Amino acid sequence: MSLTKADMAVKVAQELEIHQLLAKDLVSAFFEEIKQQLEQTGEVKISGFGNFELKEKASRPGRNPKTGKTVMIEKRKVVKFKPGQKLKMIVS
């Protein structure tokens, strides 16, 4: 099962007994803040949940599955997530 921002907004609205549009704005603002912090500092630490970190992947050779041709995959930035100890205990 996947969890969407809309699902989260519904849950927040129910938990906090607020209007669903306000909950949607809260959820959107939360994720926007995470994105901005990743852009600015390259990391976000959420206590009791985990850490998001911006890493750069080096360029590397790859293969086009359709043609079988070798191509260079450009270097890129990716977001890595490392769960915190509390989250690990809950899900294990």
PDB file of N, CA and C in Angstrom:
ATOM      1  N   MET A   1       0.837  -1.178   0.000  1.00  0.00           N
ATOM      2  CA  MET A   1       0.000   0.000   0.000  1.00  0.00           C
ATOM      3  C   MET A   1       0.887   1.248   0.000  1.00  0.00           C
ATOM      4  N   SER A   2       0.508   2.222  -0.780  1.00  0.00           N
ATOM      5  CA  SER A   2       1.264   3.467  -0.783  1.00  0.00           C
ATOM      6  C   SER A   2       0.500   4.533  -0.012  1.00  0.00           C
ATOM      7  N   LEU A   3       1.236   5.484   0.502  1.00  0.00           N
ATOM      8  CA  LEU A   3       0.650   6.570   1.274  1.00  0.00           C
ATOM      9  C   LEU A   3       0.874   7.861   0.500  1.00  0.00           C
ATOM     10  N   THR A   4      -0.196   8.531   0.124  1.00  0.00           N
ATOM     11  CA  THR A   4      -0.086   9.768  -0.639  1.00  0.00           C
ATOM     12  C   THR A   4      -0.215  10.971   0.301  1.00  0.00           C
ATOM     13  N   LYS A   5       0.132  12.150  -0.228  1.00  0.00           N
ATOM     14  CA  LYS A   5      -0.037  13.367   0.566  1.00  0.00           C
ATOM     15  C   LYS A   5      -1.514  13.590   0.875  1.00  0.00           C
ATOM     16  N   ALA A   6      -2.381  13.230  -0.046  1.00  0.00           N
ATOM     17  CA  ALA A   6      -3.826  13.374   0.193  1.00  0.00           C
ATOM     18  C   ALA A   6      -4.265  12.474   1.352  1.00  0.00           C
ATOM     19  N   ASP A   7      -3.748  11.239   1.389  1.00  0.00           N
ATOM     20  CA  ASP A   7      -4.061  10.333   2.503  1.00  0.00           C
ATOM     21  C   ASP A   7      -3.583  10.920   3.822  1.00  0.00           C
ATOM     22  N   MET A   8      -2.386  11.490   3.787  1.00  0.00           N
ATOM     23  CA  MET A   8      -1.824  12.094   5.002  1.00  0.00           C
ATOM     24  C   MET A   8      -2.683  13.269   5.454  1.00  0.00           C
ATOM     25  N   ALA A   9      -3.146  14.082   4.505  1.00  0.00           N
ATOM     26  CA  ALA A   9      -3.971  15.236   4.839  1.00  0.00           C
ATOM     27  C   ALA A   9      -5.280  14.798   5.499  1.00  0.00           C
ATOM     28  N   VAL A  10      -5.868  13.737   5.001  1.00  0.00           N
ATOM     29  CA  VAL A  10      -7.109  13.210   5.598  1.00  0.00           C
ATOM     30  C   VAL A  10      -6.844  12.785   7.037  1.00  0.00           C
ATOM     31  N   LYS A  11      -5.754  12.064   7.257  1.00  0.00           N
ATOM     32  CA  LYS A  11      -5.412  11.583   8.601  1.00  0.00           C
ATOM     33  C   LYS A  11      -5.130  12.754   9.552  1.00  0.00           C
ATOM     34  N   VAL A  12      -4.385  13.759   9.071  1.00  0.00           N
ATOM     35  CA  VAL A  12      -4.089  14.938   9.889  1.00  0.00           C
ATOM     36  C   VAL A  12      -5.377  15.674  10.239  1.00  0.00           C
ATOM     37  N   ALA A  13      -6.263  15.831   9.266  1.00  0.00           N
ATOM     38  CA  ALA A  13      -7.541  16.513   9.507  1.00  0.00           C
ATOM     39  C   ALA A  13      -8.351  15.791  10.580  1.00  0.00           C
ATOM     40  N   GLN A  14      -8.357  14.463  10.523  1.00  0.00           N
ATOM     41  CA  GLN A  14      -9.094  13.678  11.513  1.00  0.00           C
ATOM     42  C   GLN A  14      -8.450  13.781  12.896  1.00  0.00           C
ATOM     43  N   GLU A  15      -7.136  13.627  12.947  1.00  0.00           N
ATOM     44  CA  GLU A  15      -6.417  13.649  14.229  1.00  0.00           C
ATOM     45  C   GLU A  15      -6.515  15.001  14.929  1.00  0.00           C
ATOM     46  N   LEU A  16      -6.366  16.077  14.152  1.00  0.00           N
ATOM     47  CA  LEU A  16      -6.363  17.422  14.736  1.00  0.00           C
ATOM     48  C   LEU A  16      -7.733  18.086  14.711  1.00  0.00           C
ATOM     49  N   GLU A  17      -8.708  17.392  14.116  1.00  0.00           N
ATOM     50  CA  GLU A  17     -10.065  17.918  13.994  1.00  0.00           C
ATOM     51  C   GLU A  17     -10.052  19.307  13.355  1.00  0.00           C
ATOM     52  N   ILE A  18      -9.406  19.370  12.184  1.00  0.00           N
ATOM     53  CA  ILE A  18      -9.342  20.617  11.419  1.00  0.00           C
ATOM     54  C   ILE A  18      -9.896  20.361  10.019  1.00  0.00           C
ATOM     55  N   HIS A  19     -10.126  21.445   9.294  1.00  0.00           N
ATOM     56  CA  HIS A  19     -10.643  21.337   7.939  1.00  0.00           C
ATOM     57  C   HIS A  19      -9.605  20.646   7.052  1.00  0.00           C
ATOM     58  N   GLN A  20     -10.076  19.855   6.123  1.00  0.00           N
ATOM     59  CA  GLN A  20      -9.183  19.075   5.267  1.00  0.00           C
ATOM     60  C   GLN A  20      -8.284  19.956   4.396  1.00  0.00           C
ATOM     61  N   LEU A  21      -8.772  21.123   3.959  1.00  0.00           N
ATOM     62  CA  LEU A  21      -7.937  22.029   3.160  1.00  0.00           C
ATOM     63  C   LEU A  21      -6.762  22.563   3.979  1.00  0.00           C
ATOM     64  N   LEU A  22      -7.002  22.860   5.254  1.00  0.00           N
ATOM     65  CA  LEU A  22      -5.925  23.311   6.128  1.00  0.00           C
ATOM     66  C   LEU A  22      -4.920  22.184   6.335  1.00  0.00           C
ATOM     67  N   ALA A  23      -5.410  20.976   6.534  1.00  0.00           N
ATOM     68  CA  ALA A  23      -4.532  19.823   6.701  1.00  0.00           C
ATOM     69  C   ALA A  23      -3.683  19.601   5.449  1.00  0.00           C
ATOM     70  N   LYS A  24      -4.288  19.774   4.280  1.00  0.00           N
ATOM     71  CA  LYS A  24      -3.547  19.632   3.023  1.00  0.00           C
ATOM     72  C   LYS A  24      -2.427  20.656   2.946  1.00  0.00           C
ATOM     73  N   ASP A  25      -2.721  21.889   3.348  1.00  0.00           N
ATOM     74  CA  ASP A  25      -1.705  22.943   3.363  1.00  0.00           C
ATOM     75  C   ASP A  25      -0.579  22.619   4.347  1.00  0.00           C
ATOM     76  N   LEU A  26      -0.929  22.066   5.504  1.00  0.00           N
ATOM     77  CA  LEU A  26       0.084  21.685   6.497  1.00  0.00           C
ATOM     78  C   LEU A  26       1.014  20.601   5.964  1.00  0.00           C
ATOM     79  N   VAL A  27       0.436  19.592   5.352  1.00  0.00           N
ATOM     80  CA  VAL A  27       1.231  18.492   4.802  1.00  0.00           C
ATOM     81  C   VAL A  27       2.142  19.010   3.685  1.00  0.00           C
ATOM     82  N   SER A  28       1.605  19.845   2.815  1.00  0.00           N
ATOM     83  CA  SER A  28       2.402  20.415   1.728  1.00  0.00           C
ATOM     84  C   SER A  28       3.533  21.278   2.271  1.00  0.00           C
ATOM     85  N   ALA A  29       3.247  22.081   3.284  1.00  0.00           N
ATOM     86  CA  ALA A  29       4.272  22.936   3.889  1.00  0.00           C
ATOM     87  C   ALA A  29       5.380  22.103   4.528  1.00  0.00           C
ATOM     88  N   PHE A  30       5.002  21.000   5.158  1.00  0.00           N
ATOM     89  CA  PHE A  30       5.984  20.099   5.783  1.00  0.00           C
ATOM     90  C   PHE A  30       6.969  19.568   4.745  1.00  0.00           C
ATOM     91  N   PHE A  31       6.445  19.059   3.629  1.00  0.00           N
ATOM     92  CA  PHE A  31       7.317  18.503   2.601  1.00  0.00           C
ATOM     93  C   PHE A  31       8.116  19.592   1.884  1.00  0.00           C
ATOM     94  N   GLU A  32       7.534  20.761   1.735  1.00  0.00           N
ATOM     95  CA  GLU A  32       8.255  21.883   1.118  1.00  0.00           C
ATOM     96  C   GLU A  32       9.447  22.284   1.986  1.00  0.00           C
ATOM     97  N   GLU A  33       9.255  22.288   3.292  1.00  0.00           N
ATOM     98  CA  GLU A  33      10.352  22.617   4.208  1.00  0.00           C
ATOM     99  C   GLU A  33      11.472  21.583   4.124  1.00  0.00           C
ATOM    100  N   ILE A  34      11.119  20.319   4.018  1.00  0.00           N
ATOM    101  CA  ILE A  34      12.141  19.274   3.856  1.00  0.00           C
ATOM    102  C   ILE A  34      12.913  19.505   2.569  1.00  0.00           C
ATOM    103  N   LYS A  35      12.209  19.793   1.462  1.00  0.00           N
ATOM    104  CA  LYS A  35      12.885  20.050   0.187  1.00  0.00           C
ATOM    105  C   LYS A  35      13.823  21.244   0.280  1.00  0.00           C
ATOM    106  N   GLN A  36      13.358  22.325   0.898  1.00  0.00           N
ATOM    107  CA  GLN A  36      14.189  23.523   1.014  1.00  0.00           C
ATOM    108  C   GLN A  36      15.433  23.266   1.858  1.00  0.00           C
ATOM    109  N   GLN A  37      15.266  22.548   2.957  1.00  0.00           N
ATOM    110  CA  GLN A  37      16.417  22.246   3.812  1.00  0.00           C
ATOM    111  C   GLN A  37      17.421  21.349   3.099  1.00  0.00           C
ATOM    112  N   LEU A  38      16.933  20.394   2.321  1.00  0.00           N
ATOM    113  CA  LEU A  38      17.842  19.541   1.555  1.00  0.00           C
ATOM    114  C   LEU A  38      18.621  20.368   0.541  1.00  0.00           C
ATOM    115  N   GLU A  39      17.949  21.320  -0.107  1.00  0.00           N
ATOM    116  CA  GLU A  39      18.631  22.193  -1.063  1.00  0.00           C
ATOM    117  C   GLU A  39      19.689  23.044  -0.384  1.00  0.00           C
ATOM    118  N   GLN A  40      19.361  23.585   0.785  1.00  0.00           N
ATOM    119  CA  GLN A  40      20.257  24.513   1.471  1.00  0.00           C
ATOM    120  C   GLN A  40      21.402  23.813   2.194  1.00  0.00           C
ATOM    121  N   THR A  41      21.086  22.759   2.945  1.00  0.00           N
ATOM    122  CA  THR A  41      22.106  22.151   3.811  1.00  0.00           C
ATOM    123  C   THR A  41      22.508  20.750   3.384  1.00  0.00           C
ATOM    124  N   GLY A  42      21.701  20.102   2.570  1.00  0.00           N
ATOM    125  CA  GLY A  42      22.019  18.744   2.134  1.00  0.00           C
ATOM    126  C   GLY A  42      21.602  17.665   3.108  1.00  0.00           C
ATOM    127  N   GLU A  43      20.974  18.046   4.233  1.00  0.00           N
ATOM    128  CA  GLU A  43      20.511  17.029   5.173  1.00  0.00           C
ATOM    129  C   GLU A  43      19.343  17.529   6.005  1.00  0.00           C
ATOM    130  N   VAL A  44      18.500  16.580   6.402  1.00  0.00           N
ATOM    131  CA  VAL A  44      17.369  16.853   7.284  1.00  0.00           C
ATOM    132  C   VAL A  44      17.310  15.718   8.285  1.00  0.00           C
ATOM    133  N   LYS A  45      17.301  16.079   9.567  1.00  0.00           N
ATOM    134  CA  LYS A  45      17.213  15.076  10.625  1.00  0.00           C
ATOM    135  C   LYS A  45      15.895  15.274  11.357  1.00  0.00           C
ATOM    136  N   ILE A  46      15.091  14.215  11.388  1.00  0.00           N
ATOM    137  CA  ILE A  46      13.815  14.253  12.092  1.00  0.00           C
ATOM    138  C   ILE A  46      13.909  13.272  13.255  1.00  0.00           C
ATOM    139  N   SER A  47      13.946  13.819  14.447  1.00  0.00           N
ATOM    140  CA  SER A  47      14.131  13.012  15.647  1.00  0.00           C
ATOM    141  C   SER A  47      13.045  11.940  15.763  1.00  0.00           C
ATOM    142  N   GLY A  48      13.461  10.729  16.037  1.00  0.00           N
ATOM    143  CA  GLY A  48      12.531   9.623  16.199  1.00  0.00           C
ATOM    144  C   GLY A  48      12.061   9.021  14.889  1.00  0.00           C
ATOM    145  N   PHE A  49      12.488   9.591  13.766  1.00  0.00           N
ATOM    146  CA  PHE A  49      12.062   9.084  12.465  1.00  0.00           C
ATOM    147  C   PHE A  49      13.257   8.672  11.618  1.00  0.00           C
ATOM    148  N   GLY A  50      14.113   9.635  11.287  1.00  0.00           N
ATOM    149  CA  GLY A  50      15.278   9.290  10.485  1.00  0.00           C
ATOM    150  C   GLY A  50      15.930  10.506   9.861  1.00  0.00           C
ATOM    151  N   ASN A  51      16.915  10.252   9.002  1.00  0.00           N
ATOM    152  CA  ASN A  51      17.694  11.306   8.364  1.00  0.00           C
ATOM    153  C   ASN A  51      17.595  11.203   6.847  1.00  0.00           C
ATOM    154  N   PHE A  52      17.410  12.356   6.219  1.00  0.00           N
ATOM    155  CA  PHE A  52      17.459  12.463   4.771  1.00  0.00           C
ATOM    156  C   PHE A  52      18.775  13.150   4.437  1.00  0.00           C
ATOM    157  N   GLU A  53      19.472  12.636   3.441  1.00  0.00           N
ATOM    158  CA  GLU A  53      20.750  13.223   3.070  1.00  0.00           C
ATOM    159  C   GLU A  53      20.876  13.273   1.554  1.00  0.00           C
ATOM    160  N   LEU A  54      21.374  14.396   1.054  1.00  0.00           N
ATOM    161  CA  LEU A  54      21.576  14.580  -0.372  1.00  0.00           C
ATOM    162  C   LEU A  54      22.965  14.061  -0.727  1.00  0.00           C
ATOM    163  N   LYS A  55      23.031  13.110  -1.632  1.00  0.00           N
ATOM    164  CA  LYS A  55      24.297  12.518  -2.067  1.00  0.00           C
ATOM    165  C   LYS A  55      24.436  12.716  -3.567  1.00  0.00           C
ATOM    166  N   GLU A  56      25.682  12.783  -4.023  1.00  0.00           N
ATOM    167  CA  GLU A  56      25.930  12.901  -5.452  1.00  0.00           C
ATOM    168  C   GLU A  56      26.446  11.565  -5.975  1.00  0.00           C
ATOM    169  N   LYS A  57      25.776  11.056  -6.995  1.00  0.00           N
ATOM    170  CA  LYS A  57      26.201   9.818  -7.641  1.00  0.00           C
ATOM    171  C   LYS A  57      27.100  10.186  -8.815  1.00  0.00           C
ATOM    172  N   ALA A  58      28.204   9.513  -8.945  1.00  0.00           N
ATOM    173  CA  ALA A  58      29.136   9.772 -10.035  1.00  0.00           C
ATOM    174  C   ALA A  58      28.557   9.283 -11.359  1.00  0.00           C
ATOM    175  N   SER A  59      29.073   9.852 -12.448  1.00  0.00           N
ATOM    176  CA  SER A  59      28.639   9.362 -13.756  1.00  0.00           C
ATOM    177  C   SER A  59      29.170   7.943 -13.926  1.00  0.00           C
ATOM    178  N   ARG A  60      28.459   7.158 -14.718  1.00  0.00           N
ATOM    179  CA  ARG A  60      28.842   5.757 -14.889  1.00  0.00           C
ATOM    180  C   ARG A  60      28.324   5.242 -16.225  1.00  0.00           C
ATOM    181  N   PRO A  61      28.926   4.190 -16.715  1.00  0.00           N
ATOM    182  CA  PRO A  61      28.413   3.613 -17.959  1.00  0.00           C
ATOM    183  C   PRO A  61      27.128   2.828 -17.685  1.00  0.00           C
ATOM    184  N   GLY A  62      26.213   2.890 -18.635  1.00  0.00           N
ATOM    185  CA  GLY A  62      24.963   2.154 -18.521  1.00  0.00           C
ATOM    186  C   GLY A  62      24.626   1.548 -19.869  1.00  0.00           C
ATOM    187  N   ARG A  63      23.475   0.924 -19.947  1.00  0.00           N
ATOM    188  CA  ARG A  63      23.077   0.277 -21.191  1.00  0.00           C
ATOM    189  C   ARG A  63      21.621   0.595 -21.477  1.00  0.00           C
ATOM    190  N   ASN A  64      21.345   0.977 -22.706  1.00  0.00           N
ATOM    191  CA  ASN A  64      19.971   1.199 -23.139  1.00  0.00           C
ATOM    192  C   ASN A  64      19.337  -0.182 -23.323  1.00  0.00           C
ATOM    193  N   PRO A  65      18.329  -0.537 -22.522  1.00  0.00           N
ATOM    194  CA  PRO A  65      17.758  -1.881 -22.603  1.00  0.00           C
ATOM    195  C   PRO A  65      17.065  -2.172 -23.937  1.00  0.00           C
ATOM    196  N   LYS A  66      16.613  -1.115 -24.604  1.00  0.00           N
ATOM    197  CA  LYS A  66      15.914  -1.304 -25.870  1.00  0.00           C
ATOM    198  C   LYS A  66      16.880  -1.650 -27.003  1.00  0.00           C
ATOM    199  N   THR A  67      17.999  -0.899 -27.062  1.00  0.00           N
ATOM    200  CA  THR A  67      18.945  -1.078 -28.170  1.00  0.00           C
ATOM    201  C   THR A  67      20.166  -1.890 -27.792  1.00  0.00           C
ATOM    202  N   GLY A  68      20.429  -1.986 -26.485  1.00  0.00           N
ATOM    203  CA  GLY A  68      21.630  -2.691 -26.041  1.00  0.00           C
ATOM    204  C   GLY A  68      22.887  -1.832 -26.124  1.00  0.00           C
ATOM    205  N   LYS A  69      22.744  -0.587 -26.573  1.00  0.00           N
ATOM    206  CA  LYS A  69      23.868   0.322 -26.731  1.00  0.00           C
ATOM    207  C   LYS A  69      24.367   0.822 -25.382  1.00  0.00           C
ATOM    208  N   THR A  70      25.674   0.952 -25.250  1.00  0.00           N
ATOM    209  CA  THR A  70      26.267   1.506 -24.037  1.00  0.00           C
ATOM    210  C   THR A  70      26.153   3.027 -24.081  1.00  0.00           C
ATOM    211  N   VAL A  71      25.710   3.612 -22.966  1.00  0.00           N
ATOM    212  CA  VAL A  71      25.581   5.064 -22.851  1.00  0.00           C
ATOM    213  C   VAL A  71      26.172   5.500 -21.511  1.00  0.00           C
ATOM    214  N   MET A  72      26.582   6.767 -21.429  1.00  0.00           N
ATOM    215  CA  MET A  72      27.066   7.301 -20.158  1.00  0.00           C
ATOM    216  C   MET A  72      25.887   7.897 -19.397  1.00  0.00           C
ATOM    217  N   ILE A  73      25.740   7.504 -18.159  1.00  0.00           N
ATOM    218  CA  ILE A  73      24.710   8.066 -17.296  1.00  0.00           C
ATOM    219  C   ILE A  73      25.367   9.231 -16.558  1.00  0.00           C
ATOM    220  N   GLU A  74      24.774  10.402 -16.677  1.00  0.00           N
ATOM    221  CA  GLU A  74      25.325  11.623 -16.080  1.00  0.00           C
ATOM    222  C   GLU A  74      25.342  11.519 -14.557  1.00  0.00           C
ATOM    223  N   LYS A  75      26.266  12.287 -13.947  1.00  0.00           N
ATOM    224  CA  LYS A  75      26.253  12.344 -12.484  1.00  0.00           C
ATOM    225  C   LYS A  75      24.970  13.048 -12.061  1.00  0.00           C
ATOM    226  N   ARG A  76      24.488  12.707 -10.872  1.00  0.00           N
ATOM    227  CA  ARG A  76      23.224  13.276 -10.399  1.00  0.00           C
ATOM    228  C   ARG A  76      23.180  13.251  -8.888  1.00  0.00           C
ATOM    229  N   LYS A  77      22.256  14.014  -8.363  1.00  0.00           N
ATOM    230  CA  LYS A  77      22.049  14.051  -6.916  1.00  0.00           C
ATOM    231  C   LYS A  77      20.854  13.175  -6.578  1.00  0.00           C
ATOM    232  N   VAL A  78      20.973  12.433  -5.481  1.00  0.00           N
ATOM    233  CA  VAL A  78      19.883  11.585  -5.012  1.00  0.00           C
ATOM    234  C   VAL A  78      19.686  11.814  -3.518  1.00  0.00           C
ATOM    235  N   VAL A  79      18.492  11.553  -3.050  1.00  0.00           N
ATOM    236  CA  VAL A  79      18.191  11.681  -1.629  1.00  0.00           C
ATOM    237  C   VAL A  79      18.244  10.289  -1.015  1.00  0.00           C
ATOM    238  N   LYS A  80      19.042  10.145   0.016  1.00  0.00           N
ATOM    239  CA  LYS A  80      19.146   8.883   0.756  1.00  0.00           C
ATOM    240  C   LYS A  80      18.413   9.048   2.086  1.00  0.00           C
ATOM    241  N   PHE A  81      17.766   7.992   2.523  1.00  0.00           N
ATOM    242  CA  PHE A  81      17.065   8.008   3.810  1.00  0.00           C
ATOM    243  C   PHE A  81      17.638   6.915   4.693  1.00  0.00           C
ATOM    244  N   LYS A  82      17.958   7.296   5.920  1.00  0.00           N
ATOM    245  CA  LYS A  82      18.417   6.322   6.906  1.00  0.00           C
ATOM    246  C   LYS A  82      17.454   6.393   8.087  1.00  0.00           C
ATOM    247  N   PRO A  83      16.729   5.303   8.350  1.00  0.00           N
ATOM    248  CA  PRO A  83      15.756   5.336   9.449  1.00  0.00           C
ATOM    249  C   PRO A  83      16.452   5.485  10.797  1.00  0.00           C
ATOM    250  N   GLY A  84      15.779   6.189  11.711  1.00  0.00           N
ATOM    251  CA  GLY A  84      16.282   6.344  13.074  1.00  0.00           C
ATOM    252  C   GLY A  84      16.049   5.077  13.889  1.00  0.00           C
ATOM    253  N   GLN A  85      16.653   5.035  15.051  1.00  0.00           N
ATOM    254  CA  GLN A  85      16.576   3.851  15.910  1.00  0.00           C
ATOM    255  C   GLN A  85      15.138   3.532  16.313  1.00  0.00           C
ATOM    256  N   LYS A  86      14.348   4.567  16.657  1.00  0.00           N
ATOM    257  CA  LYS A  86      12.954   4.328  17.073  1.00  0.00           C
ATOM    258  C   LYS A  86      12.139   3.733  15.943  1.00  0.00           C
ATOM    259  N   LEU A  87      12.326   4.258  14.731  1.00  0.00           N
ATOM    260  CA  LEU A  87      11.596   3.723  13.567  1.00  0.00           C
ATOM    261  C   LEU A  87      12.017   2.285  13.277  1.00  0.00           C
ATOM    262  N   LYS A  88      13.298   2.014  13.393  1.00  0.00           N
ATOM    263  CA  LYS A  88      13.791   0.642  13.179  1.00  0.00           C
ATOM    264  C   LYS A  88      13.138  -0.322  14.162  1.00  0.00           C
ATOM    265  N   MET A  89      13.021   0.106  15.414  1.00  0.00           N
ATOM    266  CA  MET A  89      12.425  -0.774  16.435  1.00  0.00           C
ATOM    267  C   MET A  89      10.949  -1.043  16.140  1.00  0.00           C
ATOM    268  N   ILE A  90      10.252  -0.042  15.619  1.00  0.00           N
ATOM    269  CA  ILE A  90       8.822  -0.194  15.349  1.00  0.00           C
ATOM    270  C   ILE A  90       8.580  -1.141  14.179  1.00  0.00           C
ATOM    271  N   VAL A  91       9.384  -1.024  13.124  1.00  0.00           N
ATOM    272  CA  VAL A  91       9.130  -1.805  11.918  1.00  0.00           C
ATOM    273  C   VAL A  91       9.804  -3.181  11.916  1.00  0.00           C
ATOM    274  N   SER A  92      10.678  -3.430  12.856  1.00  0.00           N
ATOM    275  CA  SER A  92      11.331  -4.756  12.849  1.00  0.00           C
ATOM    276  C   SER A  92      10.661  -5.741  13.759  1.00  0.00           C
TER     277      SER A  92
END
